[in-house]
Amino acid sequence: MGVPLVLVRGRVFFDSTGIPTEIPVLLTPDGVVYQLLDYFLLRQDEKSNSWMRKVGRAVILLLEYKFANPTMPLDQRFFTMFAKRLGTGSIDPLSGEDLSGLGWTALSPTEKRHVIQRLTNFFEHVAATSPEAAKLNPLVTASAFEQGLQDVAYQHMRFSAFLGHTWQTAEERHTSTMPMVRGERPAKVEKRQPARFPDQHLMNLLMEGFKTRIGLNYRDILITLLLNGGGVRVSEPFHLFPSDVMPNPYRPEQALVLIHHPIEGGVPDDWVDSRGRPRRGNRGQYLRERWGIIPRKQMLGGKEAGWKGGTHEAQGAARFHKVHWFVPEFGEMFLYFWYLYLEQLISIERNHPFAFVNLWREPKGAMYSINKFRASHDAAVHRIGLNVSKAEGTTPHGHRHAYGKRAKKARLDVDLRRRMMHHTSLESMDVYTAPTEQEIEEALAQGVFNLEGGLELARSIRSAMS
């Protein structure tokens, strides 16, 4: 039986204001693991809740392994064997038994590396911020789990020169006389274009897929237009305020959409002080002071909406992603449906400033969740006779891939495409513009005509087979 450890949604109160911080919390039989809680609080503004959950699961794996092997010394062998078991699992493949009680299945090499990297970063934090860990003095108030993490962090610091970031097992090392060598690099995987939503079905999805018994679902049409016509990430529309949409001054028939950073974004013009003067501050302050809520990036549960970041545009202190419509007519279509949606929104009471809300289902006016949109999108895809499949590009993320590929096929400048998709580097765009299998085959076939003697070579091959 493994150690009962669980990562839960926590509301933490730190001062007399009574304002809670929502954050993942690791619970053990001895209570909260405060080292991990402090680590999350330190990184909360720059990291997502999804990142915190992944770090928390990595710490759980480490603690489970340590307490399943209480007599194993915390030396290099501990780290290398832990890494090995991440890759093999804990179940004997021949007997089917699991004497450790861990019940682990094997992780892929990529998943294993991610777990190790997350733990490495966390151990470095613990060793740097806990003098008790460096001195190996037991804390009077520390639980067995916290003391265990401090001990592991200290030993990791001691052996880091030998472990590197790979925690290699002996069979993973090259033959070498060097005291520390990297393991054999994993097989390089060529980036290929993930499936994108098929352009020929987009209008049908918007006009027929999102048709309900009471009419068109303007809200989900708008979100889909942002994904496919604006190339935004799935989570980004859920940070939008109504004031973030306006006619484009240069093309009044087209929508200008600024999706502000959840914390560092700008504030609406109607946020004023008692004398009617515009308030200064960022979006995080606005949400707390005007609405008594935290940014959706920091929320847990159904209200959570991540923010991956990338390159932002700025106006004064405000940071945001400007939606670049391609083709530009998508911006006109968005503005048309936006006005229709506002007519629905204006009659609904809200206790938050976000644009997309529950319109028909309870609680009406509540923040619309990403999961509910995914379910609505799936239903719309089915209505037009398509399968919901990541491999076929018919999930919401397939729209961003369609946007990136459309820009590539239009031969737009590569740096312009980077700006359109708010990437920080050209390399990060590779996954959106890499050739599909069909495009590779077509290019190879066409290349025969461009190759000197290519047609003769092809004929000779066929002749040899006849």
Protein backbone atom coordinates (compact mmCIF):
# COMPACT_ATOMS: atom_id res chain seq x y z
CA MET A 1 0.00 0.00 0.00
CA GLY A 2 1.54 3.33 -1.02
CA VAL A 3 1.82 6.46 1.09
CA PRO A 4 -1.45 8.46 0.91
CA LEU A 5 -0.46 11.70 -0.79
CA VAL A 6 -2.88 13.90 -2.65
CA LEU A 7 -2.73 17.22 -4.49
CA VAL A 8 -5.84 19.26 -3.72
CA ARG A 9 -7.27 22.66 -4.53
CA GLY A 10 -6.41 24.94 -1.63
CA ARG A 11 -7.51 28.38 -0.48
CA VAL A 12 -4.66 29.80 1.59
CA PHE A 13 -4.96 32.83 3.88
CA PHE A 14 -1.74 34.64 4.77
CA ASP A 15 -2.74 37.88 6.45
CA SER A 16 -5.55 39.73 8.15
CA THR A 17 -7.15 40.88 4.87
CA GLY A 18 -9.02 37.60 4.56
CA ILE A 19 -8.16 37.49 0.85
CA PRO A 20 -7.43 33.87 -0.13
CA THR A 21 -4.84 32.62 -2.57
CA GLU A 22 -6.06 29.67 -4.63
CA ILE A 23 -3.22 27.27 -5.24
CA PRO A 24 -2.57 23.50 -5.48
CA VAL A 25 -1.64 22.08 -2.05
CA LEU A 26 0.08 18.75 -1.33
CA LEU A 27 -1.53 16.94 1.60
CA THR A 28 0.18 14.11 3.48
CA PRO A 29 -0.85 12.12 6.57
CA ASP A 30 1.13 14.78 8.54
CA GLY A 31 -0.53 17.76 6.87
CA VAL A 32 0.53 20.28 4.23
CA VAL A 33 3.98 20.19 2.62
CA TYR A 34 4.85 23.85 3.17
CA GLN A 35 8.10 23.78 1.21
CA LEU A 36 6.14 23.03 -1.95
CA LEU A 37 3.49 25.59 -1.04
CA ASP A 38 6.16 28.28 -0.61
CA TYR A 39 7.73 27.29 -3.94
CA PHE A 40 4.39 27.64 -5.70
CA LEU A 41 3.74 31.04 -4.12
CA LEU A 42 7.15 32.25 -5.21
CA ARG A 43 6.49 31.25 -8.82
CA GLN A 44 2.75 31.91 -8.99
CA ASP A 45 2.88 35.11 -11.01
CA GLU A 46 5.09 33.59 -13.71
CA LYS A 47 3.86 29.99 -13.77
CA SER A 48 0.45 28.43 -14.39
CA ASN A 49 -1.59 26.21 -12.14
CA SER A 50 -0.99 23.44 -14.66
CA TRP A 51 2.76 23.79 -14.08
CA MET A 52 2.21 23.63 -10.31
CA ARG A 53 0.17 20.44 -10.61
CA LYS A 54 2.91 18.83 -12.69
CA VAL A 55 5.56 19.79 -10.14
CA GLY A 56 3.32 18.51 -7.36
CA ARG A 57 2.90 15.14 -9.08
CA ALA A 58 6.69 14.90 -9.51
CA VAL A 59 7.18 15.54 -5.78
CA ILE A 60 4.58 12.89 -4.98
CA LEU A 61 6.49 10.35 -7.07
CA LEU A 62 9.71 11.18 -5.22
CA LEU A 63 8.11 10.95 -1.77
CA GLU A 64 6.35 7.70 -2.66
CA TYR A 65 9.65 6.18 -3.75
CA LYS A 66 11.52 7.38 -0.66
CA PHE A 67 8.98 6.00 1.78
CA ALA A 68 8.69 2.75 -0.17
CA ASN A 69 12.45 2.32 0.30
CA PRO A 70 13.05 3.58 3.86
CA THR A 71 16.43 1.85 4.30
CA MET A 72 17.98 3.01 1.01
CA PRO A 73 20.75 5.57 1.63
CA LEU A 74 20.26 8.96 0.02
CA ASP A 75 23.27 8.66 -2.23
CA GLN A 76 23.77 8.70 -5.98
CA ARG A 77 22.25 5.24 -6.23
CA PHE A 78 18.98 6.54 -4.76
CA PHE A 79 18.62 9.11 -7.53
CA THR A 80 19.68 6.81 -10.35
CA MET A 81 17.38 4.00 -9.19
CA PHE A 82 14.49 6.41 -8.77
CA ALA A 83 15.06 7.60 -12.33
CA LYS A 84 15.28 4.00 -13.51
CA ARG A 85 11.95 3.10 -11.90
CA LEU A 86 10.30 6.10 -13.53
CA GLY A 87 11.22 4.51 -16.85
CA THR A 88 10.41 0.89 -15.96
CA GLY A 89 7.52 1.22 -13.56
CA SER A 90 7.35 -0.76 -10.33
CA ILE A 91 5.59 -3.89 -11.60
CA ASP A 92 7.67 -6.97 -12.43
CA PRO A 93 6.92 -7.70 -16.11
CA LEU A 94 7.39 -11.47 -15.63
CA SER A 95 5.52 -12.16 -12.40
CA GLY A 96 3.14 -9.19 -12.50
CA GLU A 97 3.95 -8.53 -8.84
CA ASP A 98 4.71 -5.19 -7.27
CA LEU A 99 6.53 -5.78 -4.00
CA SER A 100 6.99 -2.05 -3.45
CA GLY A 101 3.26 -1.32 -3.50
CA LEU A 102 3.91 1.77 -5.64
CA GLY A 103 1.75 0.66 -8.56
CA TRP A 104 3.75 2.71 -11.05
CA THR A 105 3.48 2.25 -14.78
CA ALA A 106 6.45 3.20 -16.95
CA LEU A 107 6.78 6.79 -18.11
CA SER A 108 7.96 7.66 -21.58
CA PRO A 109 11.52 9.02 -21.88
CA THR A 110 10.12 12.52 -22.39
CA GLU A 111 7.85 12.28 -19.33
CA LYS A 112 10.74 10.93 -17.27
CA ARG A 113 12.99 13.85 -18.25
CA HIS A 114 10.27 16.32 -17.37
CA VAL A 115 9.78 14.79 -13.91
CA ILE A 116 13.52 14.92 -13.25
CA GLN A 117 13.85 18.51 -14.43
CA ARG A 118 10.94 19.66 -12.26
CA LEU A 119 12.40 17.93 -9.22
CA THR A 120 15.86 19.33 -9.93
CA ASN A 121 14.50 22.89 -9.97
CA PHE A 122 12.50 22.28 -6.80
CA PHE A 123 15.47 20.74 -4.94
CA GLU A 124 17.63 23.71 -5.89
CA HIS A 125 14.96 25.98 -4.41
CA VAL A 126 14.72 23.96 -1.17
CA ALA A 127 18.50 23.81 -0.74
CA ALA A 128 18.81 27.55 -1.38
CA THR A 129 15.98 28.68 0.91
CA SER A 130 16.24 26.19 3.81
CA PRO A 131 19.39 26.59 5.92
CA GLU A 132 18.24 23.59 7.92
CA ALA A 133 18.51 21.44 4.79
CA ALA A 134 22.09 22.49 4.14
CA LYS A 135 23.08 21.80 7.75
CA LEU A 136 21.08 18.59 7.98
CA ASN A 137 19.59 19.76 11.27
CA PRO A 138 16.11 18.30 11.86
CA LEU A 139 13.36 20.89 12.12
CA VAL A 140 11.37 20.77 15.30
CA THR A 141 8.14 21.51 13.44
CA ALA A 142 8.92 19.65 10.22
CA SER A 143 6.88 16.60 9.32
CA ALA A 144 8.53 13.40 8.20
CA PHE A 145 7.64 14.31 4.63
CA GLU A 146 9.14 17.81 4.82
CA GLN A 147 12.26 16.52 6.56
CA GLY A 148 12.50 13.84 3.87
CA LEU A 149 12.34 16.47 1.13
CA GLN A 150 15.00 18.57 2.86
CA ASP A 151 17.29 15.56 3.16
CA VAL A 152 16.80 14.66 -0.49
CA ALA A 153 17.37 18.27 -1.54
CA TYR A 154 20.61 18.43 0.42
CA GLN A 155 21.92 15.18 -1.02
CA HIS A 156 20.89 16.26 -4.50
CA MET A 157 22.93 19.42 -4.00
CA ARG A 158 25.91 17.31 -2.92
CA PHE A 159 25.73 14.98 -5.90
CA SER A 160 24.53 17.45 -8.54
CA ALA A 161 27.97 17.58 -10.19
CA PHE A 162 27.72 13.86 -10.83
CA LEU A 163 24.01 13.64 -11.50
CA GLY A 164 23.76 16.55 -13.91
CA HIS A 165 20.13 16.94 -14.87
CA THR A 166 19.75 13.38 -16.09
CA TRP A 167 20.12 11.13 -13.02
CA GLN A 168 21.54 8.45 -15.26
CA THR A 169 21.56 4.77 -14.55
CA ALA A 170 24.76 2.89 -15.31
CA GLU A 171 23.38 1.37 -18.49
CA GLU A 172 22.42 4.82 -19.75
CA ARG A 173 26.00 6.16 -19.63
CA HIS A 174 28.54 6.20 -22.41
CA THR A 175 31.77 4.34 -21.79
CA SER A 176 34.13 7.05 -20.60
CA THR A 177 36.78 7.82 -18.01
CA MET A 178 35.16 11.17 -17.25
CA PRO A 179 33.61 11.42 -13.76
CA MET A 180 30.28 12.64 -15.19
CA VAL A 181 29.05 12.14 -18.71
CA ARG A 182 25.68 12.67 -20.26
CA GLY A 183 23.54 9.73 -21.20
CA GLU A 184 22.92 8.84 -24.80
CA ARG A 185 20.70 11.42 -26.34
CA PRO A 186 17.18 10.20 -27.05
CA ALA A 187 16.19 9.64 -30.63
CA LYS A 188 15.58 12.91 -32.41
CA VAL A 189 11.99 13.29 -33.51
CA GLU A 190 11.34 15.38 -36.59
CA LYS A 191 8.70 18.03 -36.08
CA ARG A 192 5.80 17.43 -38.40
CA GLN A 193 2.73 19.52 -38.92
CA PRO A 194 0.01 18.37 -36.49
CA ALA A 195 -3.39 18.03 -38.05
CA ARG A 196 -5.19 21.31 -38.55
CA PHE A 197 -8.88 22.01 -38.82
CA PRO A 198 -9.81 21.55 -42.49
CA ASP A 199 -10.50 24.92 -44.10
CA GLN A 200 -13.22 23.48 -46.32
CA HIS A 201 -15.35 22.66 -43.25
CA LEU A 202 -14.85 25.86 -41.26
CA MET A 203 -17.85 27.84 -42.54
CA ASN A 204 -20.06 24.80 -42.11
CA LEU A 205 -18.85 24.44 -38.52
CA LEU A 206 -19.59 28.09 -37.75
CA MET A 207 -22.97 28.39 -39.45
CA GLU A 208 -24.37 24.87 -39.03
CA GLY A 209 -22.35 23.22 -36.26
CA PHE A 210 -23.07 25.97 -33.76
CA LYS A 211 -26.74 26.16 -34.68
CA THR A 212 -28.99 25.26 -31.75
CA ARG A 213 -32.75 24.96 -31.36
CA ILE A 214 -32.90 28.63 -30.31
CA GLY A 215 -30.59 29.93 -33.02
CA LEU A 216 -26.88 30.42 -33.60
CA ASN A 217 -24.52 30.16 -30.65
CA TYR A 218 -22.81 33.53 -31.13
CA ARG A 219 -20.51 33.07 -28.14
CA ASP A 220 -18.89 29.88 -29.40
CA ILE A 221 -18.73 31.19 -32.97
CA LEU A 222 -16.75 34.15 -31.63
CA ILE A 223 -14.34 31.96 -29.69
CA THR A 224 -13.80 29.73 -32.73
CA LEU A 225 -13.17 32.77 -34.92
CA LEU A 226 -10.49 33.92 -32.48
CA LEU A 227 -8.84 30.50 -32.68
CA ASN A 228 -9.03 29.94 -36.43
CA GLY A 229 -9.07 33.46 -37.85
CA GLY A 230 -6.89 35.05 -35.16
CA GLY A 231 -4.62 32.14 -34.28
CA VAL A 232 -4.93 32.57 -30.51
CA ARG A 233 -4.41 29.74 -28.04
CA VAL A 234 -7.49 27.98 -26.68
CA SER A 235 -7.24 29.51 -23.21
CA GLU A 236 -6.78 33.12 -24.31
CA PRO A 237 -10.37 34.12 -25.23
CA PHE A 238 -11.44 33.34 -21.67
CA HIS A 239 -9.46 36.33 -20.38
CA LEU A 240 -11.29 38.76 -22.67
CA PHE A 241 -13.29 41.73 -21.30
CA PRO A 242 -16.03 43.38 -23.41
CA SER A 243 -13.94 46.55 -23.40
CA ASP A 244 -11.11 44.68 -25.15
CA VAL A 245 -13.06 44.61 -28.42
CA MET A 246 -13.66 47.69 -30.58
CA PRO A 247 -13.81 48.68 -34.25
CA ASN A 248 -10.39 48.87 -35.84
CA PRO A 249 -9.55 52.58 -36.42
CA TYR A 250 -7.87 51.69 -39.72
CA ARG A 251 -10.64 49.32 -40.87
CA PRO A 252 -13.84 50.25 -38.97
CA GLU A 253 -15.72 47.25 -40.37
CA GLN A 254 -13.18 44.95 -38.71
CA ALA A 255 -12.82 44.13 -35.00
CA LEU A 256 -9.74 45.22 -33.09
CA VAL A 257 -9.26 42.65 -30.31
CA LEU A 258 -6.64 43.05 -27.57
CA ILE A 259 -6.36 40.05 -25.27
CA HIS A 260 -4.67 41.46 -22.20
CA HIS A 261 -2.22 39.66 -19.94
CA PRO A 262 -4.24 38.30 -16.98
CA ILE A 263 -2.16 40.30 -14.47
CA GLU A 264 -0.08 42.87 -16.37
CA GLY A 265 -2.82 43.87 -18.80
CA GLY A 266 -4.54 47.24 -18.93
CA VAL A 267 -7.71 48.27 -17.12
CA PRO A 268 -11.06 49.47 -18.51
CA ASP A 269 -11.63 53.21 -18.84
CA ASP A 270 -14.60 53.08 -16.46
CA TRP A 271 -12.41 52.17 -13.45
CA VAL A 272 -12.40 55.50 -11.65
CA ASP A 273 -11.83 56.79 -8.12
CA SER A 274 -14.36 58.57 -5.91
CA ARG A 275 -13.74 61.83 -7.79
CA GLY A 276 -14.32 60.23 -11.17
CA ARG A 277 -10.66 60.23 -12.13
CA PRO A 278 -9.25 57.21 -14.02
CA ARG A 279 -7.59 54.70 -11.72
CA ARG A 280 -4.05 53.53 -12.39
CA GLY A 281 -3.00 49.95 -12.04
CA ASN A 282 -2.87 46.64 -13.85
CA ARG A 283 -5.52 44.06 -14.61
CA GLY A 284 -4.65 41.96 -11.57
CA GLN A 285 -5.27 44.94 -9.27
CA TYR A 286 -8.48 45.81 -11.11
CA LEU A 287 -9.88 42.31 -10.63
CA ARG A 288 -9.08 42.28 -6.93
CA GLU A 289 -10.21 45.81 -6.05
CA ARG A 290 -13.19 46.22 -8.37
CA TRP A 291 -14.54 42.67 -8.42
CA GLY A 292 -12.94 40.90 -5.46
CA ILE A 293 -11.58 38.06 -7.59
CA ILE A 294 -8.19 36.88 -8.82
CA PRO A 295 -7.08 36.51 -12.46
CA ARG A 296 -8.31 33.35 -14.17
CA LYS A 297 -4.68 32.32 -14.63
CA GLN A 298 -4.54 31.87 -10.85
CA MET A 299 -7.94 30.25 -10.38
CA LEU A 300 -8.42 26.54 -9.89
CA GLY A 301 -11.19 24.28 -11.13
CA GLY A 302 -13.59 25.13 -13.93
CA LYS A 303 -12.82 28.86 -13.86
CA GLU A 304 -9.13 28.38 -14.58
CA ALA A 305 -7.75 29.66 -17.89
CA GLY A 306 -4.04 29.36 -18.55
CA TRP A 307 -1.72 31.90 -20.09
CA LYS A 308 1.27 30.58 -21.99
CA GLY A 309 2.78 33.99 -22.57
CA GLY A 310 4.98 34.50 -25.60
CA THR A 311 5.74 37.92 -27.02
CA HIS A 312 3.41 40.71 -25.91
CA GLU A 313 2.64 44.08 -27.37
CA ALA A 314 2.48 47.12 -25.11
CA GLN A 315 0.66 50.38 -24.69
CA GLY A 316 2.10 52.22 -21.71
CA ALA A 317 2.37 49.69 -18.89
CA ALA A 318 -0.30 47.39 -20.35
CA ARG A 319 0.76 44.09 -21.90
CA PHE A 320 -1.49 42.29 -24.39
CA HIS A 321 -1.77 40.09 -27.46
CA LYS A 322 -3.26 41.87 -30.44
CA VAL A 323 -5.31 39.56 -32.64
CA HIS A 324 -4.03 39.67 -36.23
CA TRP A 325 -6.83 38.43 -38.47
CA PHE A 326 -5.85 36.26 -41.41
CA VAL A 327 -7.66 36.43 -43.63
CA PRO A 328 -8.75 40.02 -42.67
CA GLU A 329 -12.41 39.25 -43.43
CA PHE A 330 -12.46 37.07 -40.32
CA GLY A 331 -12.21 40.32 -38.36
CA GLU A 332 -15.32 41.63 -40.09
CA MET A 333 -17.20 38.44 -39.35
CA PHE A 334 -16.12 38.64 -35.70
CA LEU A 335 -17.37 42.20 -35.30
CA TYR A 336 -20.73 41.26 -36.87
CA PHE A 337 -21.31 38.42 -34.41
CA TRP A 338 -19.81 40.40 -31.53
CA TYR A 339 -22.59 42.98 -31.71
CA LEU A 340 -25.19 40.21 -31.79
CA TYR A 341 -23.57 38.59 -28.76
CA LEU A 342 -23.49 41.86 -26.80
CA GLU A 343 -27.26 42.11 -27.20
CA GLN A 344 -27.49 38.82 -25.30
CA LEU A 345 -24.85 39.72 -22.75
CA ILE A 346 -26.24 43.10 -21.78
CA SER A 347 -29.32 41.61 -20.11
CA ILE A 348 -27.36 39.10 -18.01
CA GLU A 349 -26.14 40.00 -14.54
CA ARG A 350 -22.48 39.21 -13.88
CA ASN A 351 -20.26 39.25 -10.80
CA HIS A 352 -17.12 39.44 -12.93
CA PRO A 353 -15.93 41.44 -15.97
CA PHE A 354 -15.22 38.58 -18.40
CA ALA A 355 -16.91 38.63 -21.78
CA PHE A 356 -17.84 34.99 -22.27
CA VAL A 357 -20.45 33.69 -19.84
CA ASN A 358 -23.05 30.99 -19.32
CA LEU A 359 -26.03 32.24 -21.32
CA TRP A 360 -28.65 29.53 -20.89
CA ARG A 361 -27.47 27.10 -18.23
CA GLU A 362 -27.14 27.77 -14.55
CA PRO A 363 -25.46 29.57 -13.05
CA LYS A 364 -26.36 32.14 -15.69
CA GLY A 365 -23.79 34.89 -16.05
CA ALA A 366 -21.01 32.78 -14.55
CA MET A 367 -17.63 32.62 -16.27
CA TYR A 368 -17.77 30.34 -19.28
CA SER A 369 -15.30 27.48 -18.84
CA ILE A 370 -12.84 26.04 -21.33
CA ASN A 371 -14.21 22.56 -20.72
CA LYS A 372 -17.74 23.67 -21.59
CA PHE A 373 -16.47 25.24 -24.80
CA ARG A 374 -14.63 22.04 -25.70
CA ALA A 375 -17.83 20.07 -25.19
CA SER A 376 -19.79 22.55 -27.33
CA HIS A 377 -17.12 22.44 -30.03
CA ASP A 378 -17.19 18.63 -30.02
CA ALA A 379 -20.97 18.67 -30.45
CA ALA A 380 -20.69 21.17 -33.32
CA VAL A 381 -18.11 18.99 -35.07
CA HIS A 382 -20.44 15.99 -34.78
CA ARG A 383 -23.38 18.01 -36.13
CA ILE A 384 -21.57 18.57 -39.42
CA GLY A 385 -20.69 14.90 -39.76
CA LEU A 386 -17.02 14.96 -38.69
CA ASN A 387 -15.23 12.94 -36.04
CA VAL A 388 -13.68 14.68 -33.06
CA SER A 389 -10.04 13.71 -33.34
CA LYS A 390 -6.74 15.39 -32.60
CA ALA A 391 -5.25 13.37 -35.45
CA GLU A 392 -7.80 14.88 -37.85
CA GLY A 393 -7.42 18.43 -36.50
CA THR A 394 -11.02 18.68 -35.36
CA THR A 395 -10.28 19.62 -31.74
CA PRO A 396 -10.13 23.31 -30.74
CA HIS A 397 -6.33 23.40 -30.97
CA GLY A 398 -6.53 22.37 -34.62
CA HIS A 399 -7.70 25.90 -35.42
CA ARG A 400 -4.42 27.53 -34.36
CA HIS A 401 -2.55 25.06 -36.57
CA ALA A 402 -4.86 25.97 -39.46
CA TYR A 403 -4.05 29.66 -38.90
CA GLY A 404 -0.29 29.05 -38.86
CA LYS A 405 -0.36 26.89 -41.96
CA ARG A 406 -2.57 29.37 -43.82
CA ALA A 407 -0.04 32.14 -43.15
CA LYS A 408 2.82 29.92 -44.33
CA LYS A 409 1.04 28.96 -47.56
CA ALA A 410 0.37 32.65 -48.23
CA ARG A 411 4.18 33.16 -48.11
CA LEU A 412 3.94 35.82 -45.44
CA ASP A 413 7.32 36.89 -44.08
CA VAL A 414 8.53 34.49 -41.40
CA ASP A 415 9.09 37.22 -38.80
CA LEU A 416 5.62 38.59 -39.52
CA ARG A 417 4.20 35.13 -38.88
CA ARG A 418 6.11 34.97 -35.60
CA ARG A 419 4.52 38.26 -34.53
CA MET A 420 1.08 37.13 -35.69
CA MET A 421 1.27 34.05 -33.45
CA HIS A 422 3.05 35.86 -30.58
CA HIS A 423 6.00 33.47 -30.54
CA THR A 424 9.25 34.52 -28.90
CA SER A 425 11.43 32.70 -31.44
CA LEU A 426 11.25 31.42 -34.98
CA GLU A 427 11.99 27.89 -33.77
CA SER A 428 8.78 27.78 -31.75
CA MET A 429 6.84 28.19 -34.99
CA ASP A 430 8.20 24.99 -36.52
CA VAL A 431 5.39 22.82 -35.25
CA TYR A 432 2.81 25.06 -36.94
CA THR A 433 4.50 25.26 -40.32
CA ALA A 434 6.26 21.90 -40.78
CA PRO A 435 5.10 19.99 -43.89
CA THR A 436 2.42 17.35 -43.67
CA GLU A 437 3.05 13.81 -44.91
CA GLN A 438 0.96 14.51 -48.00
CA GLU A 439 2.89 17.70 -48.76
CA ILE A 440 6.19 15.83 -48.41
CA GLU A 441 5.05 13.13 -50.85
CA GLU A 442 3.78 15.71 -53.34
CA ALA A 443 7.02 17.68 -53.12
CA LEU A 444 9.13 14.56 -53.69
CA ALA A 445 7.06 13.60 -56.72
CA GLN A 446 7.36 17.13 -58.13
CA GLY A 447 11.09 17.09 -57.39
CA VAL A 448 11.61 14.33 -59.96
CA PHE A 449 10.75 16.83 -62.71
CA ASN A 450 13.24 19.35 -61.31
CA LEU A 451 16.04 16.82 -60.98
CA GLU A 452 18.37 16.56 -63.96
CA GLY A 453 17.89 13.05 -65.30
CA GLY A 454 15.13 12.46 -62.77
CA LEU A 455 12.52 11.26 -65.25
CA GLU A 456 15.01 8.90 -66.91
CA LEU A 457 15.95 7.45 -63.52
CA ALA A 458 12.28 6.92 -62.63
CA ARG A 459 11.63 5.17 -65.98
CA SER A 460 14.64 2.90 -65.50
CA ILE A 461 13.42 1.86 -62.05
CA ARG A 462 9.98 0.99 -63.41
CA SER A 463 11.58 -0.85 -66.32
CA ALA A 464 13.66 -2.95 -63.92
CA MET A 465 10.51 -4.03 -62.11
CA SER A 466 8.55 -4.95 -65.27
